[in-house]
Structures are given as structure tokens and as C-alpha cells.
Amino acid sequence: MRVGDLIRFTTTGCHGLVVPPQLPDSGAIEYVWVLCGPDVDGNIDGNSVTAFPRPYLETITEVLNASR
């Protein structure tokens, strides 16, 4: 996953956009920062940038549109 990739969370169907890191990398685990849209219930609290550990994110999402 790279900055600019559009992803979909496979269990919820919600979409997200991979964005540049918001904080310095912690070093031990690589995090991917995602701008998440509303969840499947239409809850707009999800309109925020959230960090996910890369290994976890790669198991729960699929890349819909790679920014290459």
C-alpha cells in the first residue's frame, strides 16, 4: 500500500484513502495512515485519519485503485 491508494475494508465495505503519515514512525511496527469515510451505517464520525499497523491492514482490506 502506498499514499494515494483507495482501499476497501472487506468486512464492512467502507472505503479509505492512504494518506501521508501524520506522526513520525515508531520504528518497531510500520503504520499506514488512512482517511476513512463514513461507516456502513452512515456514521460520519469515521471521517478522520486513523493509523493501522501495516500487517493488520493488509489482512482486512483490499486495494481498489492503486496510485502508481
Protein backbone atom coordinates (compact mmCIF):
# COMPACT_ATOMS: atom_id res chain seq x y z
CA MET A 1 0.00 0.00 0.00
CA ARG A 2 1.19 3.46 -0.92
CA VAL A 3 -0.01 7.01 -0.37
CA GLY A 4 -2.91 7.69 -2.71
CA ASP A 5 -4.24 4.11 -2.82
CA LEU A 6 -8.01 3.72 -2.48
CA ILE A 7 -8.80 0.75 -0.24
CA ARG A 8 -11.92 -1.11 0.88
CA PHE A 9 -12.39 -2.78 4.25
CA THR A 10 -13.60 -6.25 3.28
CA THR A 11 -15.91 -6.86 6.25
CA THR A 12 -17.74 -3.51 6.20
CA GLY A 13 -17.39 -2.38 2.60
CA CYS A 14 -16.21 1.05 3.80
CA HIS A 15 -13.60 2.88 1.76
CA GLY A 16 -10.45 4.66 2.78
CA LEU A 17 -7.61 6.60 1.20
CA VAL A 18 -3.99 6.00 2.22
CA VAL A 19 -2.51 9.37 3.22
CA PRO A 20 0.97 10.60 4.26
CA PRO A 21 1.98 9.81 7.86
CA GLN A 22 0.62 12.24 10.44
CA LEU A 23 3.24 11.44 13.09
CA PRO A 24 6.82 10.14 12.96
CA ASP A 25 7.14 6.36 12.52
CA SER A 26 7.58 4.46 15.77
CA GLY A 27 10.14 2.16 14.16
CA ALA A 28 9.09 -1.23 15.52
CA ILE A 29 5.86 -1.59 13.55
CA GLU A 30 5.17 0.23 10.31
CA TYR A 31 1.87 2.07 10.39
CA VAL A 32 -0.29 3.08 7.42
CA TRP A 33 -2.39 6.23 7.81
CA VAL A 34 -5.87 6.07 6.26
CA LEU A 35 -8.51 8.75 5.75
CA CYS A 36 -11.67 6.78 6.50
CA GLY A 37 -15.09 7.74 5.23
CA PRO A 38 -18.47 7.10 6.85
CA ASP A 39 -19.11 3.55 8.01
CA VAL A 40 -21.84 1.31 6.59
CA ASP A 41 -24.41 2.80 8.97
CA GLY A 42 -23.71 6.28 7.61
CA ASN A 43 -21.94 7.30 10.80
CA ILE A 44 -19.87 10.33 9.84
CA ASP A 45 -17.67 10.03 12.94
CA GLY A 46 -15.45 7.95 10.69
CA ASN A 47 -14.30 10.99 8.68
CA SER A 48 -10.88 11.05 10.28
CA VAL A 49 -7.30 9.95 9.75
CA THR A 50 -6.51 6.69 11.55
CA ALA A 51 -3.26 4.72 11.82
CA PHE A 52 -3.29 0.95 11.29
CA PRO A 53 -0.38 -1.48 11.65
CA ARG A 54 0.54 -2.46 8.07
CA PRO A 55 0.36 -6.26 8.63
CA TYR A 56 -3.13 -5.96 10.12
CA LEU A 57 -4.39 -3.53 7.46
CA GLU A 58 -3.21 -5.82 4.67
CA THR A 59 -5.37 -8.65 6.07
CA ILE A 60 -8.60 -6.64 6.42
CA THR A 61 -8.55 -4.54 3.23
CA GLU A 62 -8.14 -4.77 -0.50
CA VAL A 63 -6.64 -2.12 -2.79
CA LEU A 64 -9.31 -0.91 -5.21
CA ASN A 65 -7.27 1.66 -7.10
CA ALA A 66 -3.51 1.79 -6.76
CA SER A 67 -1.89 5.19 -7.26
CA ARG A 68 1.04 4.14 -9.42
